[in-house]
Amino acid sequence: MIKKISLVMSLSALLSLVGCAATSSTTIFPMEQGTVKAITTSSDQNAALKDNLAKIEQYCQKQGKSYVVIAQKNSYDGVDKDVKKAANMASDIAFMTSNTFVPTTSLDSDTDNKVVTKFKCK
């Protein structure tokens, strides 16, 4: 039993490391009066924010300018976090009792987290 718990803990740690490699997608939309909107989606909120700001900086640097954020909104549109937690726990219990691993990563989506930033290059 202790070996099973140790194996589950090791597997959980490995999966959390794999989960750190979240991919982000950013689209830049020029708008009126020099205003620009950057929309980024990712399975990880921190990755979405980091990529959003990096793409904004690249966009303005190409023009030889820096950026000024006018407004920013972060949102989570994925499966309820409590449901994910319960599914992960059920997977761990199933693994400990029957050596059957039930992956729950399918509950994550690359569009779970969204960052929308309105900015100007100055």
PDB file of N, CA and C in Angstrom:
ATOM      1  N   MET A   1       0.825  -1.202   0.000  1.00  0.00           N
ATOM      2  CA  MET A   1       0.000   0.000   0.000  1.00  0.00           C
ATOM      3  C   MET A   1       0.868   1.266   0.000  1.00  0.00           C
ATOM      4  N   ILE A   2       1.947   1.241   0.792  1.00  0.00           N
ATOM      5  CA  ILE A   2       2.833   2.401   0.846  1.00  0.00           C
ATOM      6  C   ILE A   2       3.501   2.612  -0.505  1.00  0.00           C
ATOM      7  N   LYS A   3       3.867   1.500  -1.195  1.00  0.00           N
ATOM      8  CA  LYS A   3       4.467   1.621  -2.519  1.00  0.00           C
ATOM      9  C   LYS A   3       3.490   2.261  -3.497  1.00  0.00           C
ATOM     10  N   LYS A   4       2.205   1.879  -3.386  1.00  0.00           N
ATOM     11  CA  LYS A   4       1.190   2.449  -4.280  1.00  0.00           C
ATOM     12  C   LYS A   4       1.042   3.946  -4.043  1.00  0.00           C
ATOM     13  N   ILE A   5       1.004   4.341  -2.774  1.00  0.00           N
ATOM     14  CA  ILE A   5       0.868   5.765  -2.446  1.00  0.00           C
ATOM     15  C   ILE A   5       2.082   6.524  -2.951  1.00  0.00           C
ATOM     16  N   SER A   6       3.277   5.952  -2.758  1.00  0.00           N
ATOM     17  CA  SER A   6       4.501   6.588  -3.234  1.00  0.00           C
ATOM     18  C   SER A   6       4.488   6.722  -4.753  1.00  0.00           C
ATOM     19  N   LEU A   7       4.014   5.685  -5.439  1.00  0.00           N
ATOM     20  CA  LEU A   7       3.936   5.717  -6.895  1.00  0.00           C
ATOM     21  C   LEU A   7       2.944   6.778  -7.367  1.00  0.00           C
ATOM     22  N   VAL A   8       1.808   6.878  -6.698  1.00  0.00           N
ATOM     23  CA  VAL A   8       0.804   7.890  -7.050  1.00  0.00           C
ATOM     24  C   VAL A   8       1.376   9.284  -6.851  1.00  0.00           C
ATOM     25  N   MET A   9       2.083   9.482  -5.749  1.00  0.00           N
ATOM     26  CA  MET A   9       2.673  10.798  -5.484  1.00  0.00           C
ATOM     27  C   MET A   9       3.714  11.139  -6.556  1.00  0.00           C
ATOM     28  N   SER A  10       4.538  10.169  -6.931  1.00  0.00           N
ATOM     29  CA  SER A  10       5.553  10.396  -7.964  1.00  0.00           C
ATOM     30  C   SER A  10       4.899  10.698  -9.300  1.00  0.00           C
ATOM     31  N   LEU A  11       3.863   9.947  -9.627  1.00  0.00           N
ATOM     32  CA  LEU A  11       3.153  10.154 -10.881  1.00  0.00           C
ATOM     33  C   LEU A  11       2.475  11.520 -10.899  1.00  0.00           C
ATOM     34  N   SER A  12       1.882  11.900  -9.788  1.00  0.00           N
ATOM     35  CA  SER A  12       1.234  13.215  -9.698  1.00  0.00           C
ATOM     36  C   SER A  12       2.252  14.330  -9.881  1.00  0.00           C
ATOM     37  N   ALA A  13       3.430  14.182  -9.286  1.00  0.00           N
ATOM     38  CA  ALA A  13       4.482  15.194  -9.435  1.00  0.00           C
ATOM     39  C   ALA A  13       4.928  15.284 -10.888  1.00  0.00           C
ATOM     40  N   LEU A  14       5.083  14.134 -11.535  1.00  0.00           N
ATOM     41  CA  LEU A  14       5.482  14.115 -12.939  1.00  0.00           C
ATOM     42  C   LEU A  14       4.428  14.782 -13.814  1.00  0.00           C
ATOM     43  N   LEU A  15       3.170  14.465 -13.584  1.00  0.00           N
ATOM     44  CA  LEU A  15       2.097  15.059 -14.375  1.00  0.00           C
ATOM     45  C   LEU A  15       2.003  16.562 -14.153  1.00  0.00           C
ATOM     46  N   SER A  16       2.272  17.010 -12.949  1.00  0.00           N
ATOM     47  CA  SER A  16       2.221  18.461 -12.705  1.00  0.00           C
ATOM     48  C   SER A  16       3.355  19.161 -13.440  1.00  0.00           C
ATOM     49  N   LEU A  17       4.510  18.497 -13.569  1.00  0.00           N
ATOM     50  CA  LEU A  17       5.603  19.077 -14.340  1.00  0.00           C
ATOM     51  C   LEU A  17       5.254  19.130 -15.817  1.00  0.00           C
ATOM     52  N   VAL A  18       4.623  18.087 -16.316  1.00  0.00           N
ATOM     53  CA  VAL A  18       4.199  18.068 -17.709  1.00  0.00           C
ATOM     54  C   VAL A  18       3.174  19.174 -17.939  1.00  0.00           C
ATOM     55  N   GLY A  19       2.303  19.400 -16.973  1.00  0.00           N
ATOM     56  CA  GLY A  19       1.280  20.432 -17.087  1.00  0.00           C
ATOM     57  C   GLY A  19       1.846  21.838 -17.136  1.00  0.00           C
ATOM     58  N   CYS A  20       3.089  22.004 -16.686  1.00  0.00           N
ATOM     59  CA  CYS A  20       3.708  23.324 -16.690  1.00  0.00           C
ATOM     60  C   CYS A  20       4.039  23.804 -18.100  1.00  0.00           C
ATOM     61  N   ALA A  21       4.057  22.896 -19.030  1.00  0.00           N
ATOM     62  CA  ALA A  21       4.389  23.259 -20.404  1.00  0.00           C
ATOM     63  C   ALA A  21       3.131  23.679 -21.161  1.00  0.00           C
ATOM     64  N   ALA A  22       2.412  24.613 -20.610  1.00  0.00           N
ATOM     65  CA  ALA A  22       1.163  25.068 -21.227  1.00  0.00           C
ATOM     66  C   ALA A  22       1.458  25.872 -22.485  1.00  0.00           C
ATOM     67  N   THR A  23       0.633  25.676 -23.487  1.00  0.00           N
ATOM     68  CA  THR A  23       0.779  26.460 -24.711  1.00  0.00           C
ATOM     69  C   THR A  23      -0.230  27.598 -24.705  1.00  0.00           C
ATOM     70  N   SER A  24       0.175  28.701 -25.292  1.00  0.00           N
ATOM     71  CA  SER A  24      -0.686  29.879 -25.371  1.00  0.00           C
ATOM     72  C   SER A  24      -0.831  30.293 -26.822  1.00  0.00           C
ATOM     73  N   SER A  25      -1.949  30.944 -27.093  1.00  0.00           N
ATOM     74  CA  SER A  25      -2.200  31.469 -28.431  1.00  0.00           C
ATOM     75  C   SER A  25      -2.650  32.915 -28.293  1.00  0.00           C
ATOM     76  N   THR A  26      -1.957  33.816 -28.999  1.00  0.00           N
ATOM     77  CA  THR A  26      -2.272  35.244 -28.912  1.00  0.00           C
ATOM     78  C   THR A  26      -2.600  35.793 -30.288  1.00  0.00           C
ATOM     79  N   THR A  27      -3.671  36.578 -30.343  1.00  0.00           N
ATOM     80  CA  THR A  27      -4.060  37.266 -31.567  1.00  0.00           C
ATOM     81  C   THR A  27      -4.088  38.761 -31.276  1.00  0.00           C
ATOM     82  N   ILE A  28      -3.498  39.542 -32.178  1.00  0.00           N
ATOM     83  CA  ILE A  28      -3.438  41.002 -32.037  1.00  0.00           C
ATOM     84  C   ILE A  28      -4.437  41.626 -33.010  1.00  0.00           C
ATOM     85  N   PHE A  29      -5.273  42.543 -32.490  1.00  0.00           N
ATOM     86  CA  PHE A  29      -6.278  43.237 -33.303  1.00  0.00           C
ATOM     87  C   PHE A  29      -6.076  44.743 -33.232  1.00  0.00           C
ATOM     88  N   PRO A  30      -5.558  45.371 -34.306  1.00  0.00           N
ATOM     89  CA  PRO A  30      -5.487  46.844 -34.321  1.00  0.00           C
ATOM     90  C   PRO A  30      -6.911  47.415 -34.332  1.00  0.00           C
ATOM     91  N   MET A  31      -7.117  48.497 -33.589  1.00  0.00           N
ATOM     92  CA  MET A  31      -8.434  49.108 -33.485  1.00  0.00           C
ATOM     93  C   MET A  31      -8.325  50.592 -33.837  1.00  0.00           C
ATOM     94  N   GLU A  32      -9.357  51.351 -33.535  1.00  0.00           N
ATOM     95  CA  GLU A  32      -9.394  52.778 -33.845  1.00  0.00           C
ATOM     96  C   GLU A  32      -8.424  53.577 -32.987  1.00  0.00           C
ATOM     97  N   GLN A  33      -7.993  54.712 -33.520  1.00  0.00           N
ATOM     98  CA  GLN A  33      -7.201  55.710 -32.808  1.00  0.00           C
ATOM     99  C   GLN A  33      -5.931  55.125 -32.181  1.00  0.00           C
ATOM    100  N   GLY A  34      -5.292  54.178 -32.874  1.00  0.00           N
ATOM    101  CA  GLY A  34      -4.032  53.620 -32.393  1.00  0.00           C
ATOM    102  C   GLY A  34      -4.159  52.631 -31.252  1.00  0.00           C
ATOM    103  N   THR A  35      -5.394  52.307 -30.870  1.00  0.00           N
ATOM    104  CA  THR A  35      -5.609  51.326 -29.818  1.00  0.00           C
ATOM    105  C   THR A  35      -5.484  49.926 -30.413  1.00  0.00           C
ATOM    106  N   VAL A  36      -4.930  49.009 -29.636  1.00  0.00           N
ATOM    107  CA  VAL A  36      -4.731  47.634 -30.084  1.00  0.00           C
ATOM    108  C   VAL A  36      -5.262  46.706 -28.997  1.00  0.00           C
ATOM    109  N   LYS A  37      -5.809  45.557 -29.424  1.00  0.00           N
ATOM    110  CA  LYS A  37      -6.310  44.567 -28.471  1.00  0.00           C
ATOM    111  C   LYS A  37      -5.543  43.271 -28.691  1.00  0.00           C
ATOM    112  N   ALA A  38      -5.045  42.676 -27.601  1.00  0.00           N
ATOM    113  CA  ALA A  38      -4.380  41.371 -27.647  1.00  0.00           C
ATOM    114  C   ALA A  38      -5.232  40.381 -26.867  1.00  0.00           C
ATOM    115  N   ILE A  39      -5.595  39.277 -27.513  1.00  0.00           N
ATOM    116  CA  ILE A  39      -6.395  38.231 -26.864  1.00  0.00           C
ATOM    117  C   ILE A  39      -5.568  36.955 -26.829  1.00  0.00           C
ATOM    118  N   THR A  40      -5.347  36.444 -25.618  1.00  0.00           N
ATOM    119  CA  THR A  40      -4.545  35.244 -25.429  1.00  0.00           C
ATOM    120  C   THR A  40      -5.368  34.189 -24.715  1.00  0.00           C
ATOM    121  N   THR A  41      -5.275  32.941 -25.196  1.00  0.00           N
ATOM    122  CA  THR A  41      -5.917  31.815 -24.517  1.00  0.00           C
ATOM    123  C   THR A  41      -4.857  30.768 -24.187  1.00  0.00           C
ATOM    124  N   SER A  42      -5.075  30.050 -23.085  1.00  0.00           N
ATOM    125  CA  SER A  42      -4.149  29.011 -22.645  1.00  0.00           C
ATOM    126  C   SER A  42      -4.833  28.127 -21.613  1.00  0.00           C
ATOM    127  N   SER A  43      -4.249  26.957 -21.377  1.00  0.00           N
ATOM    128  CA  SER A  43      -4.759  26.094 -20.315  1.00  0.00           C
ATOM    129  C   SER A  43      -4.303  26.590 -18.945  1.00  0.00           C
ATOM    130  N   ASP A  44      -3.321  27.485 -18.914  1.00  0.00           N
ATOM    131  CA  ASP A  44      -2.762  27.998 -17.670  1.00  0.00           C
ATOM    132  C   ASP A  44      -2.862  29.521 -17.636  1.00  0.00           C
ATOM    133  N   GLN A  45      -3.409  30.056 -16.554  1.00  0.00           N
ATOM    134  CA  GLN A  45      -3.621  31.500 -16.462  1.00  0.00           C
ATOM    135  C   GLN A  45      -2.309  32.280 -16.494  1.00  0.00           C
ATOM    136  N   ASN A  46      -1.294  31.809 -15.764  1.00  0.00           N
ATOM    137  CA  ASN A  46      -0.010  32.527 -15.753  1.00  0.00           C
ATOM    138  C   ASN A  46       0.649  32.507 -17.126  1.00  0.00           C
ATOM    139  N   ALA A  47       0.544  31.375 -17.831  1.00  0.00           N
ATOM    140  CA  ALA A  47       1.112  31.285 -19.176  1.00  0.00           C
ATOM    141  C   ALA A  47       0.386  32.242 -20.121  1.00  0.00           C
ATOM    142  N   ALA A  48      -0.927  32.345 -19.979  1.00  0.00           N
ATOM    143  CA  ALA A  48      -1.707  33.254 -20.824  1.00  0.00           C
ATOM    144  C   ALA A  48      -1.287  34.705 -20.595  1.00  0.00           C
ATOM    145  N   LEU A  49      -1.150  35.097 -19.356  1.00  0.00           N
ATOM    146  CA  LEU A  49      -0.753  36.470 -19.037  1.00  0.00           C
ATOM    147  C   LEU A  49       0.662  36.768 -19.536  1.00  0.00           C
ATOM    148  N   LYS A  50       1.578  35.834 -19.299  1.00  0.00           N
ATOM    149  CA  LYS A  50       2.970  36.021 -19.723  1.00  0.00           C
ATOM    150  C   LYS A  50       3.064  36.147 -21.243  1.00  0.00           C
ATOM    151  N   ASP A  51       2.375  35.271 -21.965  1.00  0.00           N
ATOM    152  CA  ASP A  51       2.426  35.321 -23.424  1.00  0.00           C
ATOM    153  C   ASP A  51       1.745  36.583 -23.960  1.00  0.00           C
ATOM    154  N   ASN A  52       0.656  36.970 -23.323  1.00  0.00           N
ATOM    155  CA  ASN A  52      -0.066  38.176 -23.733  1.00  0.00           C
ATOM    156  C   ASN A  52       0.862  39.388 -23.683  1.00  0.00           C
ATOM    157  N   LEU A  53       1.536  39.571 -22.566  1.00  0.00           N
ATOM    158  CA  LEU A  53       2.418  40.727 -22.410  1.00  0.00           C
ATOM    159  C   LEU A  53       3.648  40.631 -23.315  1.00  0.00           C
ATOM    160  N   ALA A  54       4.159  39.420 -23.521  1.00  0.00           N
ATOM    161  CA  ALA A  54       5.317  39.246 -24.410  1.00  0.00           C
ATOM    162  C   ALA A  54       4.956  39.611 -25.848  1.00  0.00           C
ATOM    163  N   LYS A  55       3.776  39.211 -26.309  1.00  0.00           N
ATOM    164  CA  LYS A  55       3.356  39.516 -27.683  1.00  0.00           C
ATOM    165  C   LYS A  55       3.077  41.013 -27.849  1.00  0.00           C
ATOM    166  N   ILE A  56       2.542  41.628 -26.811  1.00  0.00           N
ATOM    167  CA  ILE A  56       2.309  43.077 -26.851  1.00  0.00           C
ATOM    168  C   ILE A  56       3.649  43.805 -26.970  1.00  0.00           C
ATOM    169  N   GLU A  57       4.605  43.386 -26.163  1.00  0.00           N
ATOM    170  CA  GLU A  57       5.926  44.015 -26.193  1.00  0.00           C
ATOM    171  C   GLU A  57       6.573  43.841 -27.575  1.00  0.00           C
ATOM    172  N   GLN A  58       6.497  42.642 -28.140  1.00  0.00           N
ATOM    173  CA  GLN A  58       7.052  42.395 -29.482  1.00  0.00           C
ATOM    174  C   GLN A  58       6.379  43.286 -30.529  1.00  0.00           C
ATOM    175  N   TYR A  59       5.058  43.383 -30.440  1.00  0.00           N
ATOM    176  CA  TYR A  59       4.280  44.179 -31.393  1.00  0.00           C
ATOM    177  C   TYR A  59       4.754  45.634 -31.389  1.00  0.00           C
ATOM    178  N   CYS A  60       4.912  46.207 -30.209  1.00  0.00           N
ATOM    179  CA  CYS A  60       5.319  47.611 -30.111  1.00  0.00           C
ATOM    180  C   CYS A  60       6.800  47.799 -30.423  1.00  0.00           C
ATOM    181  N   GLN A  61       7.641  46.836 -30.046  1.00  0.00           N
ATOM    182  CA  GLN A  61       9.077  46.948 -30.329  1.00  0.00           C
ATOM    183  C   GLN A  61       9.342  46.967 -31.834  1.00  0.00           C
ATOM    184  N   LYS A  62       8.534  46.259 -32.611  1.00  0.00           N
ATOM    185  CA  LYS A  62       8.691  46.271 -34.072  1.00  0.00           C
ATOM    186  C   LYS A  62       8.497  47.677 -34.639  1.00  0.00           C
ATOM    187  N   GLN A  63       7.773  48.516 -33.887  1.00  0.00           N
ATOM    188  CA  GLN A  63       7.534  49.889 -34.298  1.00  0.00           C
ATOM    189  C   GLN A  63       8.510  50.857 -33.626  1.00  0.00           C
ATOM    190  N   GLY A  64       9.437  50.303 -32.831  1.00  0.00           N
ATOM    191  CA  GLY A  64      10.399  51.137 -32.114  1.00  0.00           C
ATOM    192  C   GLY A  64       9.763  51.861 -30.938  1.00  0.00           C
ATOM    193  N   LYS A  65       8.707  51.293 -30.394  1.00  0.00           N
ATOM    194  CA  LYS A  65       7.967  51.933 -29.298  1.00  0.00           C
ATOM    195  C   LYS A  65       7.826  50.980 -28.117  1.00  0.00           C
ATOM    196  N   SER A  66       7.365  51.520 -27.001  1.00  0.00           N
ATOM    197  CA  SER A  66       6.991  50.704 -25.843  1.00  0.00           C
ATOM    198  C   SER A  66       5.470  50.716 -25.752  1.00  0.00           C
ATOM    199  N   TYR A  67       4.912  49.936 -24.832  1.00  0.00           N
ATOM    200  CA  TYR A  67       3.458  49.851 -24.747  1.00  0.00           C
ATOM    201  C   TYR A  67       2.918  50.435 -23.450  1.00  0.00           C
ATOM    202  N   VAL A  68       1.657  50.849 -23.526  1.00  0.00           N
ATOM    203  CA  VAL A  68       0.915  51.331 -22.361  1.00  0.00           C
ATOM    204  C   VAL A  68      -0.391  50.558 -22.317  1.00  0.00           C
ATOM    205  N   VAL A  69      -0.644  49.877 -21.198  1.00  0.00           N
ATOM    206  CA  VAL A  69      -1.879  49.108 -21.041  1.00  0.00           C
ATOM    207  C   VAL A  69      -3.005  50.059 -20.662  1.00  0.00           C
ATOM    208  N   ILE A  70      -4.099  49.966 -21.398  1.00  0.00           N
ATOM    209  CA  ILE A  70      -5.287  50.781 -21.116  1.00  0.00           C
ATOM    210  C   ILE A  70      -6.249  50.016 -20.210  1.00  0.00           C
ATOM    211  N   ALA A  71      -6.461  48.733 -20.538  1.00  0.00           N
ATOM    212  CA  ALA A  71      -7.353  47.895 -19.741  1.00  0.00           C
ATOM    213  C   ALA A  71      -6.966  46.435 -19.949  1.00  0.00           C
ATOM    214  N   GLN A  72      -7.247  45.628 -18.925  1.00  0.00           N
ATOM    215  CA  GLN A  72      -6.958  44.199 -19.047  1.00  0.00           C
ATOM    216  C   GLN A  72      -8.017  43.401 -18.288  1.00  0.00           C
ATOM    217  N   LYS A  73      -8.426  42.287 -18.893  1.00  0.00           N
ATOM    218  CA  LYS A  73      -9.420  41.424 -18.257  1.00  0.00           C
ATOM    219  C   LYS A  73      -8.955  39.975 -18.366  1.00  0.00           C
ATOM    220  N   ASN A  74      -8.922  39.280 -17.242  1.00  0.00           N
ATOM    221  CA  ASN A  74      -8.563  37.868 -17.197  1.00  0.00           C
ATOM    222  C   ASN A  74      -9.831  37.085 -16.844  1.00  0.00           C
ATOM    223  N   SER A  75     -10.041  35.960 -17.551  1.00  0.00           N
ATOM    224  CA  SER A  75     -11.218  35.146 -17.240  1.00  0.00           C
ATOM    225  C   SER A  75     -10.895  33.664 -17.363  1.00  0.00           C
ATOM    226  N   TYR A  76     -11.647  32.856 -16.622  1.00  0.00           N
ATOM    227  CA  TYR A  76     -11.526  31.401 -16.673  1.00  0.00           C
ATOM    228  C   TYR A  76     -12.835  30.855 -17.216  1.00  0.00           C
ATOM    229  N   ASP A  77     -12.748  30.114 -18.322  1.00  0.00           N
ATOM    230  CA  ASP A  77     -13.949  29.588 -18.966  1.00  0.00           C
ATOM    231  C   ASP A  77     -13.955  28.063 -19.032  1.00  0.00           C
ATOM    232  N   GLY A  78     -13.116  27.414 -18.229  1.00  0.00           N
ATOM    233  CA  GLY A  78     -12.989  25.953 -18.282  1.00  0.00           C
ATOM    234  C   GLY A  78     -13.941  25.237 -17.338  1.00  0.00           C
ATOM    235  N   VAL A  79     -13.700  23.935 -17.207  1.00  0.00           N
ATOM    236  CA  VAL A  79     -14.474  23.084 -16.307  1.00  0.00           C
ATOM    237  C   VAL A  79     -14.262  23.587 -14.882  1.00  0.00           C
ATOM    238  N   ASP A  80     -15.312  23.563 -14.100  1.00  0.00           N
ATOM    239  CA  ASP A  80     -15.243  24.012 -12.713  1.00  0.00           C
ATOM    240  C   ASP A  80     -14.037  23.389 -12.008  1.00  0.00           C
ATOM    241  N   LYS A  81     -13.267  24.207 -11.304  1.00  0.00           N
ATOM    242  CA  LYS A  81     -12.034  23.740 -10.664  1.00  0.00           C
ATOM    243  C   LYS A  81     -12.303  22.678  -9.602  1.00  0.00           C
ATOM    244  N   ASP A  82     -13.434  22.732  -8.911  1.00  0.00           N
ATOM    245  CA  ASP A  82     -13.772  21.710  -7.929  1.00  0.00           C
ATOM    246  C   ASP A  82     -14.053  20.369  -8.610  1.00  0.00           C
ATOM    247  N   VAL A  83     -14.660  20.419  -9.798  1.00  0.00           N
ATOM    248  CA  VAL A  83     -14.914  19.196 -10.559  1.00  0.00           C
ATOM    249  C   VAL A  83     -13.585  18.574 -10.982  1.00  0.00           C
ATOM    250  N   LYS A  84     -12.643  19.398 -11.436  1.00  0.00           N
ATOM    251  CA  LYS A  84     -11.319  18.891 -11.814  1.00  0.00           C
ATOM    252  C   LYS A  84     -10.636  18.235 -10.624  1.00  0.00           C
ATOM    253  N   LYS A  85     -10.712  18.893  -9.473  1.00  0.00           N
ATOM    254  CA  LYS A  85     -10.075  18.371  -8.267  1.00  0.00           C
ATOM    255  C   LYS A  85     -10.681  17.017  -7.888  1.00  0.00           C
ATOM    256  N   ALA A  86     -11.997  16.914  -7.944  1.00  0.00           N
ATOM    257  CA  ALA A  86     -12.675  15.655  -7.616  1.00  0.00           C
ATOM    258  C   ALA A  86     -12.308  14.561  -8.616  1.00  0.00           C
ATOM    259  N   ALA A  87     -12.212  14.906  -9.898  1.00  0.00           N
ATOM    260  CA  ALA A  87     -11.848  13.926 -10.929  1.00  0.00           C
ATOM    261  C   ALA A  87     -10.420  13.430 -10.719  1.00  0.00           C
ATOM    262  N   ASN A  88      -9.519  14.329 -10.376  1.00  0.00           N
ATOM    263  CA  ASN A  88      -8.138  13.929 -10.107  1.00  0.00           C
ATOM    264  C   ASN A  88      -8.061  13.011  -8.893  1.00  0.00           C
ATOM    265  N   MET A  89      -8.830  13.325  -7.859  1.00  0.00           N
ATOM    266  CA  MET A  89      -8.852  12.504  -6.659  1.00  0.00           C
ATOM    267  C   MET A  89      -9.414  11.116  -6.982  1.00  0.00           C
ATOM    268  N   ALA A  90     -10.485  11.066  -7.767  1.00  0.00           N
ATOM    269  CA  ALA A  90     -11.081   9.781  -8.157  1.00  0.00           C
ATOM    270  C   ALA A  90     -10.078   8.953  -8.959  1.00  0.00           C
ATOM    271  N   SER A  91      -9.321   9.601  -9.825  1.00  0.00           N
ATOM    272  CA  SER A  91      -8.301   8.910 -10.618  1.00  0.00           C
ATOM    273  C   SER A  91      -7.225   8.324  -9.708  1.00  0.00           C
ATOM    274  N   ASP A  92      -6.792   9.104  -8.727  1.00  0.00           N
ATOM    275  CA  ASP A  92      -5.773   8.621  -7.783  1.00  0.00           C
ATOM    276  C   ASP A  92      -6.289   7.427  -6.985  1.00  0.00           C
ATOM    277  N   ILE A  93      -7.532   7.498  -6.529  1.00  0.00           N
ATOM    278  CA  ILE A  93      -8.118   6.394  -5.757  1.00  0.00           C
ATOM    279  C   ILE A  93      -8.250   5.148  -6.624  1.00  0.00           C
ATOM    280  N   ALA A  94      -8.703   5.316  -7.856  1.00  0.00           N
ATOM    281  CA  ALA A  94      -8.831   4.177  -8.772  1.00  0.00           C
ATOM    282  C   ALA A  94      -7.468   3.536  -9.005  1.00  0.00           C
ATOM    283  N   PHE A  95      -6.427   4.345  -9.126  1.00  0.00           N
ATOM    284  CA  PHE A  95      -5.085   3.819  -9.348  1.00  0.00           C
ATOM    285  C   PHE A  95      -4.598   3.051  -8.120  1.00  0.00           C
ATOM    286  N   MET A  96      -4.827   3.608  -6.932  1.00  0.00           N
ATOM    287  CA  MET A  96      -4.357   2.960  -5.699  1.00  0.00           C
ATOM    288  C   MET A  96      -5.076   1.639  -5.448  1.00  0.00           C
ATOM    289  N   THR A  97      -6.336   1.552  -5.803  1.00  0.00           N
ATOM    290  CA  THR A  97      -7.104   0.344  -5.497  1.00  0.00           C
ATOM    291  C   THR A  97      -7.048  -0.717  -6.585  1.00  0.00           C
ATOM    292  N   SER A  98      -6.784  -0.315  -7.845  1.00  0.00           N
ATOM    293  CA  SER A  98      -6.830  -1.313  -8.923  1.00  0.00           C
ATOM    294  C   SER A  98      -5.665  -1.215  -9.905  1.00  0.00           C
ATOM    295  N   ASN A  99      -4.684  -0.374  -9.599  1.00  0.00           N
ATOM    296  CA  ASN A  99      -3.545  -0.153 -10.508  1.00  0.00           C
ATOM    297  C   ASN A  99      -3.997   0.310 -11.888  1.00  0.00           C
ATOM    298  N   THR A 100      -5.150   0.956 -11.963  1.00  0.00           N
ATOM    299  CA  THR A 100      -5.653   1.491 -13.225  1.00  0.00           C
ATOM    300  C   THR A 100      -5.590   3.005 -13.161  1.00  0.00           C
ATOM    301  N   PHE A 101      -4.810   3.592 -14.041  1.00  0.00           N
ATOM    302  CA  PHE A 101      -4.684   5.055 -14.074  1.00  0.00           C
ATOM    303  C   PHE A 101      -5.739   5.620 -15.014  1.00  0.00           C
ATOM    304  N   VAL A 102      -6.511   6.564 -14.515  1.00  0.00           N
ATOM    305  CA  VAL A 102      -7.546   7.220 -15.316  1.00  0.00           C
ATOM    306  C   VAL A 102      -7.094   8.654 -15.550  1.00  0.00           C
ATOM    307  N   PRO A 103      -6.606   8.971 -16.761  1.00  0.00           N
ATOM    308  CA  PRO A 103      -6.122  10.340 -16.998  1.00  0.00           C
ATOM    309  C   PRO A 103      -7.257  11.355 -16.940  1.00  0.00           C
ATOM    310  N   THR A 104      -6.982  12.485 -16.300  1.00  0.00           N
ATOM    311  CA  THR A 104      -7.994  13.533 -16.186  1.00  0.00           C
ATOM    312  C   THR A 104      -7.551  14.807 -16.898  1.00  0.00           C
ATOM    313  N   THR A 105      -6.461  14.735 -17.647  1.00  0.00           N
ATOM    314  CA  THR A 105      -5.989  15.923 -18.357  1.00  0.00           C
ATOM    315  C   THR A 105      -6.964  16.356 -19.441  1.00  0.00           C
ATOM    316  N   SER A 106      -7.876  15.470 -19.845  1.00  0.00           N
ATOM    317  CA  SER A 106      -8.851  15.850 -20.869  1.00  0.00           C
ATOM    318  C   SER A 106      -9.803  16.927 -20.355  1.00  0.00           C
ATOM    319  N   LEU A 107      -9.798  17.166 -19.056  1.00  0.00           N
ATOM    320  CA  LEU A 107     -10.638  18.228 -18.495  1.00  0.00           C
ATOM    321  C   LEU A 107     -10.028  19.603 -18.729  1.00  0.00           C
ATOM    322  N   ASP A 108      -8.748  19.630 -19.142  1.00  0.00           N
ATOM    323  CA  ASP A 108      -8.074  20.890 -19.433  1.00  0.00           C
ATOM    324  C   ASP A 108      -8.195  21.202 -20.918  1.00  0.00           C
ATOM    325  N   SER A 109      -8.261  22.491 -21.226  1.00  0.00           N
ATOM    326  CA  SER A 109      -8.339  22.931 -22.609  1.00  0.00           C
ATOM    327  C   SER A 109      -7.409  24.122 -22.804  1.00  0.00           C
ATOM    328  N   ASP A 110      -6.878  24.267 -24.014  1.00  0.00           N
ATOM    329  CA  ASP A 110      -6.008  25.400 -24.314  1.00  0.00           C
ATOM    330  C   ASP A 110      -6.755  26.729 -24.341  1.00  0.00           C
ATOM    331  N   THR A 111      -8.073  26.683 -24.158  1.00  0.00           N
ATOM    332  CA  THR A 111      -8.859  27.920 -24.144  1.00  0.00           C
ATOM    333  C   THR A 111      -9.528  28.162 -22.786  1.00  0.00           C
ATOM    334  N   ASP A 112      -9.093  27.445 -21.753  1.00  0.00           N
ATOM    335  CA  ASP A 112      -9.676  27.604 -20.414  1.00  0.00           C
ATOM    336  C   ASP A 112      -9.499  29.016 -19.868  1.00  0.00           C
ATOM    337  N   ASN A 113      -8.326  29.579 -20.079  1.00  0.00           N
ATOM    338  CA  ASN A 113      -8.000  30.901 -19.533  1.00  0.00           C
ATOM    339  C   ASN A 113      -7.836  31.892 -20.666  1.00  0.00           C
ATOM    340  N   LYS A 114      -8.407  33.070 -20.475  1.00  0.00           N
ATOM    341  CA  LYS A 114      -8.325  34.101 -21.509  1.00  0.00           C
ATOM    342  C   LYS A 114      -7.886  35.418 -20.882  1.00  0.00           C
ATOM    343  N   VAL A 115      -6.941  36.078 -21.573  1.00  0.00           N
ATOM    344  CA  VAL A 115      -6.480  37.406 -21.167  1.00  0.00           C
ATOM    345  C   VAL A 115      -6.730  38.337 -22.347  1.00  0.00           C
ATOM    346  N   VAL A 116      -7.470  39.401 -22.094  1.00  0.00           N
ATOM    347  CA  VAL A 116      -7.740  40.405 -23.123  1.00  0.00           C
ATOM    348  C   VAL A 116      -7.134  41.717 -22.636  1.00  0.00           C
ATOM    349  N   THR A 117      -6.202  42.244 -23.423  1.00  0.00           N
ATOM    350  CA  THR A 117      -5.523  43.481 -23.055  1.00  0.00           C
ATOM    351  C   THR A 117      -5.711  44.514 -24.151  1.00  0.00           C
ATOM    352  N   LYS A 118      -6.175  45.688 -23.739  1.00  0.00           N
ATOM    353  CA  LYS A 118      -6.291  46.822 -24.648  1.00  0.00           C
ATOM    354  C   LYS A 118      -5.098  47.729 -24.353  1.00  0.00           C
ATOM    355  N   PHE A 119      -4.347  48.100 -25.409  1.00  0.00           N
ATOM    356  CA  PHE A 119      -3.122  48.869 -25.194  1.00  0.00           C
ATOM    357  C   PHE A 119      -2.834  49.802 -26.373  1.00  0.00           C
ATOM    358  N   LYS A 120      -1.834  50.663 -26.172  1.00  0.00           N
ATOM    359  CA  LYS A 120      -1.324  51.534 -27.233  1.00  0.00           C
ATOM    360  C   LYS A 120       0.198  51.449 -27.225  1.00  0.00           C
ATOM    361  N   CYS A 121       0.761  51.586 -28.406  1.00  0.00           N
ATOM    362  CA  CYS A 121       2.221  51.676 -28.538  1.00  0.00           C
ATOM    363  C   CYS A 121       2.584  53.154 -28.520  1.00  0.00           C
ATOM    364  N   LYS A 122       3.520  53.548 -27.690  1.00  0.00           N
ATOM    365  CA  LYS A 122       3.933  54.959 -27.600  1.00  0.00           C
ATOM    366  C   LYS A 122       5.438  55.061 -27.715  1.00  0.00           C
TER     367      LYS A 122
END
